Amino acid sequence: IKSKKLDKDGSSGKAACLAKNFSTRNFSLEMIPERVVYEQSTALLTPEGSYNAIKVVDVTKGEEVNCSGIFDSRTVVVPNDTQTGTILSDAKVEKDNMLSVAVLGLRILLAKSIAFNTLMSIKLFLL
């Protein structure tokens, strides 16, 4: 996938190679060009029991992108049917993590207030 959004001067952008639903953890992605922006250290296990991997590189406008997968001493070349799309940044992931932490904090605050109110009610009835 090539990013539709280019940098400020319009000369470069990002390209991603995604491998989905493969059966071995010993898998790596190779891309040309080799200006790596993001690469997973290991393939991710999906709930279905298969693996996914992704690699993102910087590309200049009009540059050819090639992607291949290597596993069990074999190389699989991905057909070059490049698509354009939006490549999500780490900012989206950070925002989701921040929201998750905020919800956890609110749950803890609710639990504390329930416990305090329960203790105060018990104290009121005992006096």
Protein backbone atom coordinates (compact mmCIF):
# COMPACT_ATOMS: atom_id res chain seq x y z
CA ILE A 1 0.00 0.00 0.00
CA LYS A 2 1.35 3.42 -0.90
CA SER A 3 0.24 6.36 1.20
CA LYS A 4 -1.90 8.96 -0.55
CA LYS A 5 -0.54 11.61 1.79
CA LEU A 6 2.92 12.96 0.89
CA ASP A 7 5.25 14.95 3.14
CA LYS A 8 5.23 18.78 3.20
CA ASP A 9 7.27 19.26 0.04
CA GLY A 10 5.30 16.56 -1.85
CA SER A 11 8.37 14.54 -2.84
CA SER A 12 8.13 11.53 -0.54
CA GLY A 13 5.69 9.39 1.38
CA LYS A 14 5.34 5.95 2.92
CA ALA A 15 4.66 2.47 1.58
CA ALA A 16 3.59 -0.58 3.58
CA CYS A 17 3.78 -4.28 2.88
CA LEU A 18 1.30 -6.48 4.75
CA ALA A 19 1.40 -10.27 4.93
CA LYS A 20 -1.72 -11.88 6.37
CA ASN A 21 -2.82 -15.36 7.43
CA PHE A 22 0.42 -17.32 7.05
CA SER A 23 1.14 -20.40 9.14
CA THR A 24 4.73 -20.00 10.36
CA ARG A 25 6.19 -17.57 12.88
CA ASN A 26 9.59 -17.64 11.13
CA PHE A 27 8.66 -15.12 8.48
CA SER A 28 10.22 -11.85 7.36
CA LEU A 29 9.31 -9.16 4.86
CA GLU A 30 11.85 -7.64 2.49
CA MET A 31 11.10 -4.38 0.70
CA ILE A 32 12.80 -2.27 -1.91
CA PRO A 33 13.52 0.56 -1.13
CA GLU A 34 15.13 -0.33 2.20
CA ARG A 35 14.52 2.95 4.08
CA VAL A 36 12.63 1.27 6.94
CA VAL A 37 10.27 3.40 9.03
CA TYR A 38 8.58 0.58 10.97
CA GLU A 39 9.06 -3.17 11.14
CA GLN A 40 7.66 -5.70 13.60
CA SER A 41 10.29 -7.72 15.43
CA THR A 42 8.18 -10.89 15.12
CA ALA A 43 4.98 -11.81 13.33
CA LEU A 44 1.76 -11.29 15.29
CA LEU A 45 -0.44 -14.25 16.18
CA THR A 46 -4.10 -13.77 15.23
CA PRO A 47 -7.09 -15.26 17.10
CA GLU A 48 -7.53 -17.72 14.23
CA GLY A 49 -4.06 -19.19 14.84
CA SER A 50 -2.34 -17.67 11.81
CA TYR A 51 0.26 -14.89 11.70
CA ASN A 52 0.38 -11.34 10.28
CA ALA A 53 3.36 -9.09 9.59
CA ILE A 54 3.85 -5.52 8.37
CA LYS A 55 6.76 -3.37 7.24
CA VAL A 56 6.70 0.35 6.34
CA VAL A 57 9.35 2.18 4.29
CA ASP A 58 9.91 5.72 3.01
CA VAL A 59 9.48 6.17 -0.74
CA THR A 60 9.97 9.11 -3.06
CA LYS A 61 7.27 10.19 -5.47
CA GLY A 62 7.06 7.78 -8.42
CA GLU A 63 9.50 5.28 -6.90
CA GLU A 64 8.85 1.58 -7.56
CA VAL A 65 8.08 -0.53 -4.49
CA ASN A 66 8.77 -4.26 -4.31
CA CYS A 67 7.74 -6.54 -1.47
CA SER A 68 8.65 -10.17 -0.82
CA GLY A 69 8.18 -12.60 2.04
CA ILE A 70 10.83 -15.07 3.21
CA PHE A 71 9.95 -18.23 5.16
CA ASP A 72 11.33 -21.77 5.40
CA SER A 73 14.23 -20.81 3.07
CA ARG A 74 11.74 -19.82 0.35
CA THR A 75 11.02 -16.39 -1.06
CA VAL A 76 7.54 -15.38 -2.16
CA VAL A 77 7.41 -12.26 -4.32
CA VAL A 78 4.24 -10.24 -3.94
CA PRO A 79 2.73 -9.15 -7.27
CA ASN A 80 3.25 -5.43 -7.76
CA ASP A 81 -0.40 -4.32 -7.75
CA THR A 82 0.31 -1.31 -5.57
CA GLN A 83 -2.72 0.28 -4.00
CA THR A 84 -3.03 3.69 -2.42
CA GLY A 85 -4.50 4.18 1.01
CA THR A 86 -4.01 5.69 4.41
CA ILE A 87 -1.19 4.32 6.54
CA LEU A 88 -2.06 4.85 10.20
CA SER A 89 0.61 6.44 12.35
CA ASP A 90 1.66 5.73 15.91
CA ALA A 91 -0.35 8.81 17.01
CA LYS A 92 -3.60 6.86 16.50
CA VAL A 93 -2.28 3.98 18.61
CA GLU A 94 -1.12 6.39 21.32
CA LYS A 95 -4.54 8.07 21.36
CA ASP A 96 -6.26 4.68 21.76
CA ASN A 97 -3.88 3.76 24.60
CA MET A 98 -4.52 7.09 26.35
CA LEU A 99 -8.27 6.54 26.11
CA SER A 100 -7.90 3.05 27.58
CA VAL A 101 -5.87 4.40 30.54
CA ALA A 102 -8.45 7.16 31.12
CA VAL A 103 -11.30 4.62 31.24
CA LEU A 104 -9.31 2.46 33.67
CA GLY A 105 -8.76 5.50 35.92
CA LEU A 106 -12.48 6.29 35.93
CA ARG A 107 -13.31 2.68 36.83
CA ILE A 108 -10.90 2.79 39.78
CA LEU A 109 -12.39 6.10 40.93
CA LEU A 110 -15.90 4.61 40.76
CA ALA A 111 -14.83 1.54 42.75
CA LYS A 112 -13.24 3.74 45.44
CA SER A 113 -16.34 5.91 45.75
CA ILE A 114 -18.57 2.83 46.09
CA ALA A 115 -16.29 1.39 48.79
CA PHE A 116 -16.21 4.72 50.69
CA ASN A 117 -20.00 5.11 50.54
CA THR A 118 -20.47 1.54 51.76
CA LEU A 119 -18.15 2.11 54.73
CA MET A 120 -19.90 5.38 55.64
CA SER A 121 -23.30 3.67 55.46
CA ILE A 122 -22.13 0.85 57.73
CA LYS A 123 -20.72 3.39 60.21
CA LEU A 124 -24.04 5.31 60.20
CA PHE A 125 -26.09 2.19 60.98
CA LEU A 126 -23.74 1.05 63.76
CA LEU A 127 -23.96 4.35 65.68
